[in-house]
Amino acid sequence: QSQLVESGGGLVQPGGSLRLSCAASGFTFDDYAIGWFRQAPGKQREWVASITSEDRTNYAASVKGRFTISRDNAKNTVYLQMNSLKVEDTAVYSCSALGSGKWGQGTQVIVSS
């Protein structure tokens, strides 16, 4: 059974950092670009960042320079390092194997003082 499992969310103060993980199993991880998305309360889900199987990365303008996406194919895991967090980064963060329809269940990030 293929699945994606996110972890690493939590409560952090503005200016702080978190590292999210997206662990994949049950499918050929290396074949897929992986994307991080987020959905804040009352808002539509938005794309945050993505990384191809060749390690090419792209970022939404709102997170560029603060977030870094990376992948470890040996561990079937993609990471999202989030620095200089802002209150507006508060959301449920989910990962997806792009084009596959596979999604994780999400992990909550709350940025608050």
C-alpha atoms as a PDB file:
ATOM      1  CA  GLN A   1       0.000   0.000   0.000  1.00  0.00           C
ATOM      2  CA  SER A   2       1.518   3.290  -1.084  1.00  0.00           C
ATOM      3  CA  GLN A   3       1.463   6.145   1.356  1.00  0.00           C
ATOM      4  CA  LEU A   4       3.022   9.438   2.358  1.00  0.00           C
ATOM      5  CA  VAL A   5       3.368  10.383   6.012  1.00  0.00           C
ATOM      6  CA  GLU A   6       4.199  13.883   7.172  1.00  0.00           C
ATOM      7  CA  SER A   7       5.746  14.755  10.514  1.00  0.00           C
ATOM      8  CA  GLY A   8       7.535  17.592  12.261  1.00  0.00           C
ATOM      9  CA  GLY A   9       4.756  20.101  12.698  1.00  0.00           C
ATOM     10  CA  GLY A  10       4.105  21.942  15.924  1.00  0.00           C
ATOM     11  CA  LEU A  11       3.842  25.284  17.665  1.00  0.00           C
ATOM     12  CA  VAL A  12       6.636  27.777  17.120  1.00  0.00           C
ATOM     13  CA  GLN A  13       7.109  31.477  17.804  1.00  0.00           C
ATOM     14  CA  PRO A  14       7.432  33.984  14.966  1.00  0.00           C
ATOM     15  CA  GLY A  15      10.988  33.957  13.674  1.00  0.00           C
ATOM     16  CA  GLY A  16      11.482  30.349  14.660  1.00  0.00           C
ATOM     17  CA  SER A  17      12.194  27.264  12.587  1.00  0.00           C
ATOM     18  CA  LEU A  18      10.707  23.850  11.937  1.00  0.00           C
ATOM     19  CA  ARG A  19      11.674  20.962   9.696  1.00  0.00           C
ATOM     20  CA  LEU A  20       8.899  18.913   8.175  1.00  0.00           C
ATOM     21  CA  SER A  21       9.422  15.402   6.830  1.00  0.00           C
ATOM     22  CA  CYS A  22       7.451  13.508   4.221  1.00  0.00           C
ATOM     23  CA  ALA A  23       8.197   9.789   4.303  1.00  0.00           C
ATOM     24  CA  ALA A  24       7.079   7.672   1.356  1.00  0.00           C
ATOM     25  CA  SER A  25       6.486   3.939   1.118  1.00  0.00           C
ATOM     26  CA  GLY A  26       4.914   1.423  -1.226  1.00  0.00           C
ATOM     27  CA  PHE A  27       5.867   3.075  -4.505  1.00  0.00           C
ATOM     28  CA  THR A  28       8.955   4.028  -6.491  1.00  0.00           C
ATOM     29  CA  PHE A  29       9.751   7.296  -4.751  1.00  0.00           C
ATOM     30  CA  ASP A  30      12.577   8.234  -7.102  1.00  0.00           C
ATOM     31  CA  ASP A  31      10.189   8.426 -10.076  1.00  0.00           C
ATOM     32  CA  TYR A  32       8.212  11.346  -8.686  1.00  0.00           C
ATOM     33  CA  ALA A  33       8.573  15.025  -8.074  1.00  0.00           C
ATOM     34  CA  ILE A  34       7.314  15.782  -4.574  1.00  0.00           C
ATOM     35  CA  GLY A  35       5.449  18.901  -3.600  1.00  0.00           C
ATOM     36  CA  TRP A  36       4.593  20.546  -0.299  1.00  0.00           C
ATOM     37  CA  PHE A  37       1.253  22.292  -0.011  1.00  0.00           C
ATOM     38  CA  ARG A  38      -0.495  24.094   2.820  1.00  0.00           C
ATOM     39  CA  GLN A  39      -4.013  25.017   3.756  1.00  0.00           C
ATOM     40  CA  ALA A  40      -4.764  27.710   6.274  1.00  0.00           C
ATOM     41  CA  PRO A  41      -8.140  27.891   8.046  1.00  0.00           C
ATOM     42  CA  GLY A  42     -10.782  29.275   5.715  1.00  0.00           C
ATOM     43  CA  LYS A  43      -8.429  29.356   2.735  1.00  0.00           C
ATOM     44  CA  GLN A  44      -7.782  27.191  -0.283  1.00  0.00           C
ATOM     45  CA  ARG A  45      -4.843  24.836  -0.387  1.00  0.00           C
ATOM     46  CA  GLU A  46      -1.788  26.445  -1.928  1.00  0.00           C
ATOM     47  CA  TRP A  47       1.446  25.098  -3.340  1.00  0.00           C
ATOM     48  CA  VAL A  48       4.530  25.878  -1.259  1.00  0.00           C
ATOM     49  CA  ALA A  49       7.503  24.160  -2.874  1.00  0.00           C
ATOM     50  CA  SER A  50       8.450  21.198  -5.015  1.00  0.00           C
ATOM     51  CA  ILE A  51      11.485  19.134  -5.888  1.00  0.00           C
ATOM     52  CA  THR A  52      12.003  16.921  -8.915  1.00  0.00           C
ATOM     53  CA  SER A  53      13.691  13.548  -8.978  1.00  0.00           C
ATOM     54  CA  GLU A  54      16.733  15.418 -10.333  1.00  0.00           C
ATOM     55  CA  ASP A  55      16.694  17.768  -7.316  1.00  0.00           C
ATOM     56  CA  ARG A  56      15.409  20.806  -9.190  1.00  0.00           C
ATOM     57  CA  THR A  57      13.510  22.984  -6.759  1.00  0.00           C
ATOM     58  CA  ASN A  58      10.829  25.655  -7.006  1.00  0.00           C
ATOM     59  CA  TYR A  59       9.219  27.833  -4.366  1.00  0.00           C
ATOM     60  CA  ALA A  60       6.179  29.989  -3.959  1.00  0.00           C
ATOM     61  CA  ALA A  61       7.084  33.658  -3.754  1.00  0.00           C
ATOM     62  CA  SER A  62       5.730  33.845  -0.205  1.00  0.00           C
ATOM     63  CA  VAL A  63       8.315  31.363   1.117  1.00  0.00           C
ATOM     64  CA  LYS A  64      11.291  31.846  -1.194  1.00  0.00           C
ATOM     65  CA  GLY A  65      14.431  32.595   0.790  1.00  0.00           C
ATOM     66  CA  ARG A  66      12.918  31.248   4.007  1.00  0.00           C
ATOM     67  CA  PHE A  67      11.998  27.637   3.158  1.00  0.00           C
ATOM     68  CA  THR A  68      14.239  24.948   1.687  1.00  0.00           C
ATOM     69  CA  ILE A  69      13.016  21.702   0.174  1.00  0.00           C
ATOM     70  CA  SER A  70      15.310  18.706  -0.128  1.00  0.00           C
ATOM     71  CA  ARG A  71      15.071  14.981  -0.647  1.00  0.00           C
ATOM     72  CA  ASP A  72      16.926  11.880   0.463  1.00  0.00           C
ATOM     73  CA  ASN A  73      16.095   9.127  -2.017  1.00  0.00           C
ATOM     74  CA  ALA A  74      17.904   6.532   0.106  1.00  0.00           C
ATOM     75  CA  LYS A  75      15.410   7.238   2.890  1.00  0.00           C
ATOM     76  CA  ASN A  76      12.426   7.864   0.589  1.00  0.00           C
ATOM     77  CA  THR A  77      11.953  11.172   2.387  1.00  0.00           C
ATOM     78  CA  VAL A  78      11.481  14.802   1.416  1.00  0.00           C
ATOM     79  CA  TYR A  79      12.136  17.592   3.898  1.00  0.00           C
ATOM     80  CA  LEU A  80      10.904  21.144   4.197  1.00  0.00           C
ATOM     81  CA  GLN A  81      13.162  23.331   6.319  1.00  0.00           C
ATOM     82  CA  MET A  82      11.191  26.381   7.368  1.00  0.00           C
ATOM     83  CA  ASN A  83      13.069  29.360   8.817  1.00  0.00           C
ATOM     84  CA  SER A  84      11.988  32.854   9.802  1.00  0.00           C
ATOM     85  CA  LEU A  85       8.464  31.618  10.278  1.00  0.00           C
ATOM     86  CA  LYS A  86       5.632  34.127  10.227  1.00  0.00           C
ATOM     87  CA  VAL A  87       2.149  34.013  11.698  1.00  0.00           C
ATOM     88  CA  GLU A  88       0.786  33.737   8.155  1.00  0.00           C
ATOM     89  CA  ASP A  89       2.664  30.449   7.683  1.00  0.00           C
ATOM     90  CA  THR A  90       0.184  28.817  10.053  1.00  0.00           C
ATOM     91  CA  ALA A  91      -1.511  25.980   8.149  1.00  0.00           C
ATOM     92  CA  VAL A  92      -1.803  22.251   7.698  1.00  0.00           C
ATOM     93  CA  TYR A  93       1.123  21.187   5.538  1.00  0.00           C
ATOM     94  CA  SER A  94       0.759  18.189   3.229  1.00  0.00           C
ATOM     95  CA  CYS A  95       3.023  16.498   0.738  1.00  0.00           C
ATOM     96  CA  SER A  96       2.120  14.874  -2.535  1.00  0.00           C
ATOM     97  CA  ALA A  97       3.823  12.782  -5.180  1.00  0.00           C
ATOM     98  CA  LEU A  98       2.990  15.098  -8.060  1.00  0.00           C
ATOM     99  CA  GLY A  99       0.795  13.613 -10.748  1.00  0.00           C
ATOM    100  CA  SER A 100       0.156  10.413  -8.798  1.00  0.00           C
ATOM    101  CA  GLY A 101      -2.829  11.430  -6.722  1.00  0.00           C
ATOM    102  CA  LYS A 102      -0.956  10.350  -3.616  1.00  0.00           C
ATOM    103  CA  TRP A 103      -1.242  12.662  -0.614  1.00  0.00           C
ATOM    104  CA  GLY A 104      -0.261  12.504   3.001  1.00  0.00           C
ATOM    105  CA  GLN A 105      -2.615  13.275   5.863  1.00  0.00           C
ATOM    106  CA  GLY A 106      -0.910  16.540   6.762  1.00  0.00           C
ATOM    107  CA  THR A 107       0.879  18.008   9.753  1.00  0.00           C
ATOM    108  CA  GLN A 108      -0.200  21.135  11.613  1.00  0.00           C
ATOM    109  CA  VAL A 109       2.106  24.137  11.862  1.00  0.00           C
ATOM    110  CA  ILE A 110       1.121  26.963  14.193  1.00  0.00           C
ATOM    111  CA  VAL A 111       3.189  30.118  14.344  1.00  0.00           C
ATOM    112  CA  SER A 112       2.162  32.198  17.315  1.00  0.00           C
ATOM    113  CA  SER A 113       3.617  34.188  20.156  1.00  0.00           C
END
